[in-house]
């Protein structure tokens, strides 16, 4: 008889695995290490995941999917290009930057265990559409081809994530706020605008 799946237990396993993988590395963390701190039998893990590879794949894919879907829905609901850009810069990047565990897994293991290039391309195209709409609103021409835009945004995004990761690991005095301020400064200088403040979010 198949074991009954408990989604709450699955989330606990995934959260603990994500923490340990980010802190100690994928190869240095065993399934026994994962269950040790959450008082779950080793066998229960295999009710939810095929193996350790499946755990890290789910941690990256599900964490990324939640971030991406929320961003995609928020951008689709906002008609103003400048407010859409503010949503990216002041709403969703800070949210992602706080999840240093996901960032660490994304950068260290994303290429091996997930379709990292697809994730980056999808995000770059989503944000690239906001850039294009903002340029049109300002009467500006975008000089980059779609392929160049995807490459440029991917490089910029990965660089920002790595800066956040390294600042946490090494104590480099660069905060999330510093990175956001730098991104905001580049956008505002490029388009000659002041990015609007986001409206208060419902609690």
N, C-alpha and C. Protein backbone atom coordinates (compact mmCIF):
# COMPACT_ATOMS: atom_id res chain seq x y z
N UNK A 1 0.85 -1.20 0.00
CA UNK A 1 0.00 0.00 0.00
C UNK A 1 0.88 1.24 0.00
N UNK A 2 0.59 2.17 -0.91
CA UNK A 2 1.41 3.38 -1.03
C UNK A 2 1.23 4.27 0.20
N UNK A 3 2.32 4.91 0.61
CA UNK A 3 2.22 5.83 1.73
C UNK A 3 1.43 7.07 1.34
N UNK A 4 0.66 7.57 2.31
CA UNK A 4 -0.11 8.79 2.05
C UNK A 4 0.83 9.99 2.03
N UNK A 5 0.67 10.82 1.04
CA UNK A 5 1.53 11.99 0.90
C UNK A 5 0.99 13.14 1.75
N UNK A 6 1.88 13.77 2.48
CA UNK A 6 1.54 14.92 3.31
C UNK A 6 2.32 16.11 2.75
N UNK A 7 1.62 17.04 2.10
CA UNK A 7 2.31 18.15 1.44
C UNK A 7 3.03 19.05 2.43
N UNK A 8 2.50 19.12 3.66
CA UNK A 8 3.20 19.90 4.68
C UNK A 8 4.55 19.30 5.00
N UNK A 9 4.60 17.97 5.09
CA UNK A 9 5.86 17.28 5.36
C UNK A 9 6.83 17.46 4.19
N UNK A 10 6.29 17.42 2.99
CA UNK A 10 7.12 17.61 1.80
C UNK A 10 7.79 18.99 1.83
N UNK A 11 7.03 20.01 2.22
CA UNK A 11 7.58 21.37 2.28
C UNK A 11 8.67 21.47 3.34
N UNK A 12 8.48 20.79 4.47
CA UNK A 12 9.49 20.81 5.53
C UNK A 12 10.78 20.17 5.03
N UNK A 13 10.66 19.03 4.37
CA UNK A 13 11.85 18.35 3.81
C UNK A 13 12.56 19.26 2.81
N UNK A 14 11.78 19.88 1.93
CA UNK A 14 12.36 20.73 0.89
C UNK A 14 13.05 21.95 1.48
N UNK A 15 12.43 22.56 2.49
CA UNK A 15 13.01 23.75 3.12
C UNK A 15 14.32 23.41 3.83
N UNK A 16 14.34 22.28 4.54
CA UNK A 16 15.56 21.88 5.24
C UNK A 16 16.67 21.51 4.25
N UNK A 17 16.30 20.82 3.19
CA UNK A 17 17.29 20.46 2.17
C UNK A 17 17.87 21.70 1.51
N UNK A 18 17.00 22.64 1.19
CA UNK A 18 17.44 23.89 0.56
C UNK A 18 18.44 24.62 1.46
N UNK A 19 18.14 24.67 2.75
CA UNK A 19 19.04 25.34 3.70
C UNK A 19 20.39 24.65 3.77
N UNK A 20 20.38 23.33 3.89
CA UNK A 20 21.63 22.58 4.02
C UNK A 20 22.44 22.58 2.73
N UNK A 21 21.77 22.44 1.59
CA UNK A 21 22.49 22.49 0.31
C UNK A 21 23.19 23.84 0.14
N UNK A 22 22.49 24.92 0.52
CA UNK A 22 23.06 26.26 0.37
C UNK A 22 24.21 26.47 1.34
N UNK A 23 24.08 25.92 2.55
CA UNK A 23 25.09 26.14 3.59
C UNK A 23 26.31 25.26 3.42
N UNK A 24 26.10 23.99 3.09
CA UNK A 24 27.22 23.04 3.06
C UNK A 24 27.56 22.53 1.66
N UNK A 25 26.71 22.78 0.70
CA UNK A 25 26.92 22.27 -0.65
C UNK A 25 26.14 20.99 -0.88
N UNK A 26 25.82 20.75 -2.13
CA UNK A 26 25.01 19.58 -2.48
C UNK A 26 25.72 18.27 -2.15
N UNK A 27 26.98 18.16 -2.54
CA UNK A 27 27.71 16.90 -2.38
C UNK A 27 28.02 16.59 -0.92
N UNK A 28 28.16 17.62 -0.09
CA UNK A 28 28.49 17.40 1.32
C UNK A 28 27.26 17.14 2.18
N UNK A 29 26.08 17.20 1.59
CA UNK A 29 24.83 16.99 2.33
C UNK A 29 24.19 15.68 1.91
N UNK A 30 23.92 14.83 2.87
CA UNK A 30 23.26 13.54 2.59
C UNK A 30 21.78 13.62 2.94
N UNK A 31 21.04 12.63 2.50
CA UNK A 31 19.62 12.55 2.87
C UNK A 31 19.50 12.39 4.39
N UNK A 32 20.44 11.66 5.00
CA UNK A 32 20.44 11.51 6.45
C UNK A 32 20.61 12.86 7.14
N UNK A 33 21.47 13.72 6.59
CA UNK A 33 21.65 15.07 7.14
C UNK A 33 20.34 15.85 7.09
N UNK A 34 19.62 15.70 6.00
CA UNK A 34 18.38 16.46 5.80
C UNK A 34 17.34 16.07 6.85
N UNK A 35 17.18 14.78 7.10
CA UNK A 35 16.12 14.35 8.02
C UNK A 35 16.52 14.49 9.49
N UNK A 36 17.83 14.63 9.74
CA UNK A 36 18.31 14.67 11.12
C UNK A 36 17.67 15.81 11.91
N UNK A 37 17.57 16.97 11.29
CA UNK A 37 17.08 18.14 12.03
C UNK A 37 15.57 18.32 12.01
N UNK A 38 14.86 17.46 11.30
CA UNK A 38 13.41 17.65 11.19
C UNK A 38 12.62 16.44 11.69
N UNK A 39 13.34 15.48 12.27
CA UNK A 39 12.71 14.33 12.91
C UNK A 39 11.75 13.58 11.98
N UNK A 40 12.25 13.27 10.80
CA UNK A 40 11.47 12.50 9.82
C UNK A 40 12.30 11.29 9.41
N UNK A 41 11.71 10.10 9.34
CA UNK A 41 12.47 8.92 8.91
C UNK A 41 13.01 9.09 7.49
N UNK A 42 14.18 8.53 7.26
CA UNK A 42 14.79 8.61 5.93
C UNK A 42 13.85 8.08 4.86
N UNK A 43 13.17 6.99 5.16
CA UNK A 43 12.28 6.39 4.17
C UNK A 43 11.16 7.30 3.72
N UNK A 44 10.74 8.22 4.62
CA UNK A 44 9.66 9.14 4.26
C UNK A 44 10.05 10.07 3.13
N UNK A 45 11.34 10.38 3.05
CA UNK A 45 11.80 11.29 2.00
C UNK A 45 11.45 10.73 0.62
N UNK A 46 11.56 9.42 0.48
CA UNK A 46 11.35 8.80 -0.83
C UNK A 46 9.87 8.64 -1.18
N UNK A 47 9.00 9.04 -0.27
CA UNK A 47 7.58 9.16 -0.60
C UNK A 47 7.35 10.37 -1.50
N UNK A 48 8.23 11.36 -1.34
CA UNK A 48 8.05 12.64 -2.04
C UNK A 48 9.08 12.88 -3.13
N UNK A 49 10.26 12.30 -2.98
CA UNK A 49 11.35 12.57 -3.92
C UNK A 49 12.02 11.26 -4.32
N UNK A 50 12.43 11.18 -5.58
CA UNK A 50 13.08 9.95 -6.06
C UNK A 50 14.45 9.75 -5.43
N UNK A 51 15.19 10.83 -5.30
CA UNK A 51 16.55 10.76 -4.77
C UNK A 51 17.01 12.18 -4.43
N UNK A 52 18.27 12.30 -4.04
CA UNK A 52 18.79 13.61 -3.64
C UNK A 52 18.80 14.59 -4.81
N UNK A 53 19.10 14.09 -6.01
CA UNK A 53 19.06 14.95 -7.20
C UNK A 53 17.67 15.55 -7.39
N UNK A 54 16.66 14.73 -7.16
CA UNK A 54 15.28 15.19 -7.32
C UNK A 54 14.94 16.28 -6.30
N UNK A 55 15.49 16.16 -5.09
CA UNK A 55 15.23 17.16 -4.05
C UNK A 55 15.78 18.52 -4.47
N UNK A 56 17.03 18.57 -4.92
CA UNK A 56 17.59 19.87 -5.28
C UNK A 56 16.94 20.43 -6.54
N UNK A 57 16.56 19.54 -7.44
CA UNK A 57 15.86 19.99 -8.65
C UNK A 57 14.53 20.66 -8.28
N UNK A 58 13.81 20.03 -7.37
CA UNK A 58 12.52 20.59 -6.93
C UNK A 58 12.72 21.90 -6.17
N UNK A 59 13.77 21.96 -5.34
CA UNK A 59 14.03 23.18 -4.57
C UNK A 59 14.27 24.37 -5.50
N UNK A 60 15.05 24.15 -6.55
CA UNK A 60 15.34 25.23 -7.49
C UNK A 60 14.13 25.53 -8.36
N UNK A 61 13.55 24.50 -8.97
CA UNK A 61 12.46 24.70 -9.91
C UNK A 61 11.23 25.32 -9.25
N UNK A 62 10.87 24.83 -8.08
CA UNK A 62 9.66 25.33 -7.43
C UNK A 62 9.87 26.72 -6.85
N UNK A 63 11.06 26.98 -6.30
CA UNK A 63 11.34 28.33 -5.80
C UNK A 63 11.35 29.34 -6.92
N UNK A 64 11.96 28.97 -8.05
CA UNK A 64 12.01 29.86 -9.20
C UNK A 64 10.63 30.07 -9.79
N UNK A 65 9.85 29.00 -9.92
CA UNK A 65 8.52 29.09 -10.52
C UNK A 65 7.61 30.02 -9.72
N UNK A 66 7.71 29.95 -8.41
CA UNK A 66 6.88 30.83 -7.56
C UNK A 66 7.24 32.29 -7.80
N UNK A 67 8.56 32.58 -7.84
CA UNK A 67 9.01 33.95 -8.11
C UNK A 67 8.56 34.41 -9.49
N UNK A 68 8.79 33.58 -10.50
CA UNK A 68 8.51 33.99 -11.88
C UNK A 68 7.02 34.19 -12.12
N UNK A 69 6.19 33.28 -11.63
CA UNK A 69 4.74 33.40 -11.84
C UNK A 69 4.19 34.65 -11.18
N UNK A 70 4.66 34.95 -9.97
CA UNK A 70 4.20 36.15 -9.27
C UNK A 70 4.58 37.40 -10.04
N UNK A 71 5.82 37.43 -10.55
CA UNK A 71 6.27 38.58 -11.33
C UNK A 71 5.48 38.71 -12.62
N UNK A 72 5.29 37.61 -13.31
CA UNK A 72 4.56 37.61 -14.58
C UNK A 72 3.13 38.11 -14.38
N UNK A 73 2.46 37.64 -13.33
CA UNK A 73 1.08 38.06 -13.06
C UNK A 73 1.02 39.54 -12.71
N UNK A 74 1.96 40.00 -11.89
CA UNK A 74 1.96 41.41 -11.48
C UNK A 74 2.20 42.33 -12.67
N UNK A 75 3.12 41.95 -13.56
CA UNK A 75 3.41 42.79 -14.73
C UNK A 75 2.23 42.81 -15.69
N UNK A 76 1.55 41.68 -15.84
CA UNK A 76 0.40 41.60 -16.75
C UNK A 76 -0.75 42.48 -16.26
N UNK A 77 -0.83 42.68 -14.95
CA UNK A 77 -1.94 43.45 -14.37
C UNK A 77 -1.68 44.95 -14.34
N UNK A 78 -0.46 45.38 -14.67
CA UNK A 78 -0.10 46.81 -14.58
C UNK A 78 0.11 47.39 -15.98
N UNK A 79 -0.73 48.35 -16.41
CA UNK A 79 -0.60 48.90 -17.77
C UNK A 79 0.55 49.89 -17.94
N UNK A 80 0.98 50.54 -16.88
CA UNK A 80 2.01 51.58 -16.99
C UNK A 80 3.41 50.98 -17.08
N UNK A 81 4.17 51.27 -18.16
CA UNK A 81 5.54 50.73 -18.28
C UNK A 81 6.45 51.15 -17.12
N UNK A 82 6.34 52.41 -16.68
CA UNK A 82 7.21 52.86 -15.59
C UNK A 82 6.87 52.17 -14.27
N UNK A 83 5.58 51.94 -14.03
CA UNK A 83 5.20 51.22 -12.82
C UNK A 83 5.58 49.74 -12.91
N UNK A 84 5.54 49.18 -14.12
CA UNK A 84 5.99 47.79 -14.28
C UNK A 84 7.47 47.68 -13.96
N UNK A 85 8.25 48.67 -14.40
CA UNK A 85 9.67 48.65 -14.09
C UNK A 85 9.89 48.81 -12.59
N UNK A 86 9.09 49.65 -11.94
CA UNK A 86 9.20 49.79 -10.49
C UNK A 86 8.87 48.49 -9.77
N UNK A 87 7.88 47.76 -10.31
CA UNK A 87 7.55 46.46 -9.72
C UNK A 87 8.74 45.52 -9.77
N UNK A 88 9.45 45.53 -10.90
CA UNK A 88 10.64 44.68 -11.04
C UNK A 88 11.71 45.10 -10.04
N UNK A 89 12.03 46.40 -10.04
CA UNK A 89 13.17 46.90 -9.27
C UNK A 89 12.90 46.96 -7.78
N UNK A 90 11.76 47.48 -7.40
CA UNK A 90 11.47 47.72 -5.98
C UNK A 90 10.60 46.65 -5.33
N UNK A 91 9.95 45.83 -6.16
CA UNK A 91 9.07 44.81 -5.61
C UNK A 91 9.65 43.41 -5.64
N UNK A 92 10.03 42.97 -6.85
CA UNK A 92 10.38 41.56 -7.00
C UNK A 92 11.86 41.26 -6.85
N UNK A 93 12.75 42.15 -7.27
CA UNK A 93 14.18 41.88 -7.05
C UNK A 93 14.51 41.83 -5.56
N UNK A 94 14.02 42.78 -4.73
CA UNK A 94 14.30 42.66 -3.29
C UNK A 94 13.77 41.36 -2.70
N UNK A 95 12.61 40.93 -3.17
CA UNK A 95 12.04 39.67 -2.68
C UNK A 95 12.97 38.50 -3.02
N UNK A 96 13.47 38.48 -4.25
CA UNK A 96 14.38 37.40 -4.65
C UNK A 96 15.70 37.49 -3.90
N UNK A 97 16.23 38.72 -3.73
CA UNK A 97 17.51 38.90 -3.07
C UNK A 97 17.49 38.41 -1.62
N UNK A 98 16.32 38.42 -0.99
CA UNK A 98 16.24 37.96 0.39
C UNK A 98 16.35 36.43 0.48
N UNK A 99 16.06 35.74 -0.60
CA UNK A 99 16.13 34.27 -0.60
C UNK A 99 17.52 33.83 -1.03
N UNK A 100 18.49 34.07 -0.14
CA UNK A 100 19.88 33.78 -0.47
C UNK A 100 20.11 32.29 -0.70
N UNK A 101 19.33 31.45 -0.02
CA UNK A 101 19.46 30.01 -0.23
C UNK A 101 19.12 29.63 -1.67
N UNK A 102 18.02 30.18 -2.18
CA UNK A 102 17.66 29.90 -3.57
C UNK A 102 18.71 30.45 -4.53
N UNK A 103 19.21 31.65 -4.25
CA UNK A 103 20.25 32.25 -5.08
C UNK A 103 21.48 31.34 -5.12
N UNK A 104 21.90 30.86 -3.96
CA UNK A 104 23.09 30.00 -3.89
C UNK A 104 22.91 28.73 -4.72
N UNK A 105 21.74 28.10 -4.60
CA UNK A 105 21.48 26.87 -5.37
C UNK A 105 21.39 27.18 -6.85
N UNK A 106 20.74 28.28 -7.18
CA UNK A 106 20.57 28.68 -8.57
C UNK A 106 21.92 28.87 -9.25
N UNK A 107 22.84 29.54 -8.55
CA UNK A 107 24.15 29.84 -9.13
C UNK A 107 25.09 28.64 -9.10
N UNK A 108 25.03 27.83 -8.05
CA UNK A 108 26.00 26.74 -7.91
C UNK A 108 25.56 25.44 -8.59
N UNK A 109 24.25 25.18 -8.59
CA UNK A 109 23.77 23.89 -9.10
C UNK A 109 22.72 24.01 -10.20
N UNK A 110 22.33 25.23 -10.53
CA UNK A 110 21.26 25.41 -11.50
C UNK A 110 21.54 24.82 -12.86
N UNK A 111 22.77 24.94 -13.31
CA UNK A 111 23.13 24.44 -14.64
C UNK A 111 23.09 22.91 -14.69
N UNK A 112 23.49 22.28 -13.61
CA UNK A 112 23.57 20.81 -13.58
C UNK A 112 22.20 20.17 -13.42
N UNK A 113 21.35 20.76 -12.60
CA UNK A 113 20.11 20.08 -12.23
C UNK A 113 18.85 20.66 -12.87
N UNK A 114 18.92 21.83 -13.44
CA UNK A 114 17.71 22.41 -14.04
C UNK A 114 18.06 23.05 -15.38
N UNK A 115 17.01 23.45 -16.10
CA UNK A 115 17.20 24.13 -17.38
C UNK A 115 17.45 25.62 -17.14
N UNK A 116 18.64 25.91 -16.63
CA UNK A 116 19.00 27.27 -16.23
C UNK A 116 18.85 28.25 -17.38
N UNK A 117 19.29 27.86 -18.57
CA UNK A 117 19.25 28.78 -19.71
C UNK A 117 17.81 29.15 -20.07
N UNK A 118 16.89 28.21 -19.90
CA UNK A 118 15.48 28.49 -20.19
C UNK A 118 14.92 29.49 -19.18
N UNK A 119 15.27 29.31 -17.92
CA UNK A 119 14.82 30.23 -16.87
C UNK A 119 15.34 31.63 -17.13
N UNK A 120 16.62 31.73 -17.44
CA UNK A 120 17.22 33.05 -17.69
C UNK A 120 16.61 33.71 -18.92
N UNK A 121 16.42 32.93 -19.97
CA UNK A 121 15.86 33.50 -21.20
C UNK A 121 14.43 33.97 -20.98
N UNK A 122 13.64 33.20 -20.25
CA UNK A 122 12.25 33.60 -19.99
C UNK A 122 12.20 34.89 -19.18
N UNK A 123 13.05 34.97 -18.15
CA UNK A 123 13.06 36.19 -17.33
C UNK A 123 13.56 37.38 -18.13
N UNK A 124 14.61 37.17 -18.93
CA UNK A 124 15.16 38.27 -19.72
C UNK A 124 14.14 38.78 -20.73
N UNK A 125 13.39 37.88 -21.34
CA UNK A 125 12.37 38.31 -22.30
C UNK A 125 11.23 39.05 -21.60
N UNK A 126 10.88 38.60 -20.41
CA UNK A 126 9.82 39.26 -19.65
C UNK A 126 10.23 40.69 -19.28
N UNK A 127 11.44 40.83 -18.75
CA UNK A 127 11.92 42.16 -18.37
C UNK A 127 12.25 42.98 -19.61
N UNK A 128 12.74 42.31 -20.66
CA UNK A 128 13.03 43.02 -21.91
C UNK A 128 11.79 43.67 -22.49
N UNK A 129 10.64 43.02 -22.35
CA UNK A 129 9.38 43.61 -22.84
C UNK A 129 9.05 44.88 -22.07
N UNK A 130 9.34 44.89 -20.76
CA UNK A 130 9.13 46.09 -19.95
C UNK A 130 10.06 47.20 -20.42
N UNK A 131 11.32 46.86 -20.67
CA UNK A 131 12.30 47.84 -21.17
C UNK A 131 11.84 48.43 -22.50
N UNK A 132 11.38 47.58 -23.41
CA UNK A 132 10.91 48.06 -24.71
C UNK A 132 9.71 48.99 -24.58
N UNK A 133 8.76 48.61 -23.72
CA UNK A 133 7.57 49.45 -23.53
C UNK A 133 7.93 50.79 -22.90
N UNK A 134 8.88 50.76 -21.97
CA UNK A 134 9.31 52.00 -21.34
C UNK A 134 10.03 52.90 -22.34
N UNK A 135 10.84 52.28 -23.21
CA UNK A 135 11.53 53.05 -24.25
C UNK A 135 10.52 53.70 -25.21
N UNK A 136 9.50 52.96 -25.60
CA UNK A 136 8.47 53.52 -26.49
C UNK A 136 7.74 54.67 -25.82
N UNK A 137 7.44 54.50 -24.55
CA UNK A 137 6.75 55.56 -23.80
C UNK A 137 7.59 56.83 -23.76
N UNK A 138 8.91 56.67 -23.72
CA UNK A 138 9.82 57.82 -23.66
C UNK A 138 10.24 58.30 -25.04
N UNK A 139 9.75 57.65 -26.10
CA UNK A 139 10.11 58.04 -27.46
C UNK A 139 11.53 57.70 -27.81
N UNK A 140 12.05 56.62 -27.24
CA UNK A 140 13.43 56.22 -27.47
C UNK A 140 13.47 54.93 -28.27
N UNK A 141 14.54 54.75 -29.03
CA UNK A 141 14.73 53.52 -29.80
C UNK A 141 15.64 52.59 -29.02
N UNK A 142 15.29 51.30 -29.00
CA UNK A 142 16.14 50.29 -28.36
C UNK A 142 17.15 49.79 -29.38
N UNK A 143 18.45 49.99 -29.09
CA UNK A 143 19.49 49.66 -30.06
C UNK A 143 19.84 48.18 -30.09
N UNK A 144 19.51 47.45 -29.04
CA UNK A 144 19.89 46.04 -28.97
C UNK A 144 18.90 45.15 -29.72
N UNK A 145 19.43 44.12 -30.36
CA UNK A 145 18.56 43.11 -30.96
C UNK A 145 17.95 42.28 -29.83
N UNK A 146 16.87 41.53 -30.11
CA UNK A 146 16.29 40.68 -29.05
C UNK A 146 17.32 39.74 -28.43
N UNK A 147 18.18 39.14 -29.26
CA UNK A 147 19.19 38.23 -28.73
C UNK A 147 20.18 38.96 -27.84
N UNK A 148 20.62 40.14 -28.27
CA UNK A 148 21.55 40.93 -27.46
C UNK A 148 20.91 41.36 -26.15
N UNK A 149 19.63 41.70 -26.21
CA UNK A 149 18.92 42.13 -25.00
C UNK A 149 18.84 41.00 -23.99
N UNK A 150 18.55 39.78 -24.47
CA UNK A 150 18.49 38.62 -23.58
C UNK A 150 19.85 38.38 -22.94
N UNK A 151 20.92 38.46 -23.73
CA UNK A 151 22.27 38.26 -23.19
C UNK A 151 22.62 39.33 -22.17
N UNK A 152 22.33 40.58 -22.50
CA UNK A 152 22.68 41.69 -21.60
C UNK A 152 21.93 41.59 -20.28
N UNK A 153 20.63 41.32 -20.35
CA UNK A 153 19.83 41.22 -19.13
C UNK A 153 20.23 40.01 -18.29
N UNK A 154 20.58 38.91 -18.95
CA UNK A 154 21.02 37.71 -18.22
C UNK A 154 22.32 37.98 -17.48
N UNK A 155 23.26 38.64 -18.15
CA UNK A 155 24.54 38.98 -17.52
C UNK A 155 24.32 39.90 -16.33
N UNK A 156 23.47 40.89 -16.51
CA UNK A 156 23.19 41.86 -15.45
C UNK A 156 22.52 41.17 -14.26
N UNK A 157 21.57 40.29 -14.56
CA UNK A 157 20.84 39.59 -13.51
C UNK A 157 21.76 38.65 -12.73
N UNK A 158 22.55 37.84 -13.45
CA UNK A 158 23.46 36.91 -12.78
C UNK A 158 24.50 37.65 -11.95
N UNK A 159 24.98 38.77 -12.48
CA UNK A 159 25.94 39.57 -11.72
C UNK A 159 25.35 40.10 -10.42
N UNK A 160 24.10 40.53 -10.48
CA UNK A 160 23.44 41.03 -9.27
C UNK A 160 23.27 39.91 -8.24
N UNK A 161 22.83 38.74 -8.71
CA UNK A 161 22.65 37.61 -7.79
C UNK A 161 23.97 37.21 -7.15
N UNK A 162 25.03 37.17 -7.94
CA UNK A 162 26.33 36.75 -7.41
C UNK A 162 26.86 37.78 -6.41
N UNK A 163 26.59 39.05 -6.65
CA UNK A 163 27.00 40.09 -5.71
C UNK A 163 26.31 39.88 -4.36
N UNK A 164 25.00 39.61 -4.39
CA UNK A 164 24.27 39.36 -3.15
C UNK A 164 24.83 38.14 -2.44
N UNK A 165 25.08 37.08 -3.19
CA UNK A 165 25.60 35.84 -2.59
C UNK A 165 26.96 36.07 -1.95
N UNK A 166 27.86 36.72 -2.68
CA UNK A 166 29.21 36.95 -2.17
C UNK A 166 29.21 37.89 -0.97
N UNK A 167 28.33 38.88 -0.98
CA UNK A 167 28.28 39.81 0.15
C UNK A 167 27.87 39.09 1.43
N UNK A 168 26.98 38.10 1.29
CA UNK A 168 26.56 37.33 2.47
C UNK A 168 27.66 36.37 2.92
N UNK A 169 28.37 35.79 1.97
CA UNK A 169 29.39 34.79 2.30
C UNK A 169 30.65 35.42 2.87
N UNK A 170 31.04 36.56 2.35
CA UNK A 170 32.35 37.14 2.67
C UNK A 170 32.29 38.38 3.54
N UNK A 171 31.10 38.94 3.72
CA UNK A 171 31.01 40.17 4.50
C UNK A 171 31.39 41.41 3.72
N UNK A 172 31.51 41.31 2.39
CA UNK A 172 31.74 42.51 1.57
C UNK A 172 30.63 43.52 1.89
N UNK A 173 30.99 44.77 2.17
CA UNK A 173 29.98 45.75 2.60
C UNK A 173 29.11 46.27 1.46
N UNK A 174 28.41 45.37 0.80
CA UNK A 174 27.45 45.74 -0.24
C UNK A 174 26.12 45.08 0.13
N UNK A 175 25.11 45.90 0.37
CA UNK A 175 23.82 45.38 0.82
C UNK A 175 22.86 45.20 -0.35
N UNK A 176 21.74 44.54 -0.06
CA UNK A 176 20.68 44.42 -1.06
C UNK A 176 20.23 45.81 -1.52
N UNK A 177 20.11 46.71 -0.55
CA UNK A 177 19.70 48.09 -0.88
C UNK A 177 20.69 48.75 -1.83
N UNK A 178 21.99 48.49 -1.64
CA UNK A 178 23.01 49.06 -2.53
C UNK A 178 22.83 48.56 -3.96
N UNK A 179 22.58 47.26 -4.10
CA UNK A 179 22.40 46.68 -5.43
C UNK A 179 21.16 47.25 -6.10
N UNK A 180 20.06 47.33 -5.35
CA UNK A 180 18.82 47.89 -5.89
C UNK A 180 19.01 49.35 -6.28
N UNK A 181 19.71 50.11 -5.45
CA UNK A 181 19.95 51.53 -5.75
C UNK A 181 20.77 51.68 -7.03
N UNK A 182 21.76 50.80 -7.21
CA UNK A 182 22.59 50.85 -8.41
C UNK A 182 21.76 50.54 -9.66
N UNK A 183 20.94 49.49 -9.58
CA UNK A 183 20.08 49.13 -10.71
C UNK A 183 19.12 50.27 -11.03
N UNK A 184 18.52 50.85 -9.99
CA UNK A 184 17.59 51.96 -10.18
C UNK A 184 18.29 53.16 -10.82
N UNK A 185 19.51 53.44 -10.38
CA UNK A 185 20.26 54.57 -10.92
C UNK A 185 20.54 54.40 -12.40
N UNK A 186 20.92 53.20 -12.81
CA UNK A 186 21.20 52.92 -14.22
C UNK A 186 19.95 53.10 -15.06
N UNK A 187 18.83 52.56 -14.59
CA UNK A 187 17.57 52.67 -15.34
C UNK A 187 17.13 54.12 -15.45
N UNK A 188 17.17 54.84 -14.34
CA UNK A 188 16.72 56.23 -14.35
C UNK A 188 17.61 57.10 -15.23
N UNK A 189 18.93 56.85 -15.19
CA UNK A 189 19.84 57.62 -16.04
C UNK A 189 19.66 57.28 -17.51
N UNK A 190 19.41 56.02 -17.81
CA UNK A 190 19.25 55.58 -19.20
C UNK A 190 17.99 56.14 -19.84
N UNK A 191 16.91 56.21 -19.06
CA UNK A 191 15.63 56.65 -19.61
C UNK A 191 15.26 58.08 -19.24
N UNK A 192 16.10 58.73 -18.44
CA UNK A 192 15.81 60.11 -18.06
C UNK A 192 14.53 60.25 -17.26
N UNK A 193 14.30 59.31 -16.35
CA UNK A 193 13.07 59.33 -15.55
C UNK A 193 13.39 59.12 -14.08
N UNK A 194 12.39 59.33 -13.29
CA UNK A 194 12.43 58.95 -11.87
C UNK A 194 11.43 57.81 -11.71
N UNK A 195 11.89 56.64 -11.36
CA UNK A 195 10.97 55.51 -11.21
C UNK A 195 9.96 55.81 -10.10
N UNK A 196 8.68 55.61 -10.40
CA UNK A 196 7.66 55.92 -9.39
C UNK A 196 7.71 54.96 -8.21
N UNK A 197 7.27 55.47 -7.07
CA UNK A 197 7.16 54.62 -5.89
C UNK A 197 6.03 53.62 -6.10
N UNK A 198 6.18 52.46 -5.52
CA UNK A 198 5.11 51.47 -5.61
C UNK A 198 3.98 51.85 -4.67
N UNK A 199 2.73 51.61 -5.08
CA UNK A 199 1.62 51.85 -4.16
C UNK A 199 1.71 50.91 -2.97
N UNK A 200 1.17 51.30 -1.82
CA UNK A 200 1.21 50.41 -0.65
C UNK A 200 0.59 49.06 -0.97
N UNK A 201 1.24 48.00 -0.52
CA UNK A 201 0.75 46.65 -0.77
C UNK A 201 -0.23 46.25 0.32
N UNK A 202 -1.32 45.55 -0.04
CA UNK A 202 -2.27 45.11 0.98
C UNK A 202 -1.63 44.13 1.95
N UNK A 203 -1.98 44.23 3.23
CA UNK A 203 -1.40 43.36 4.25
C UNK A 203 -2.27 42.14 4.48
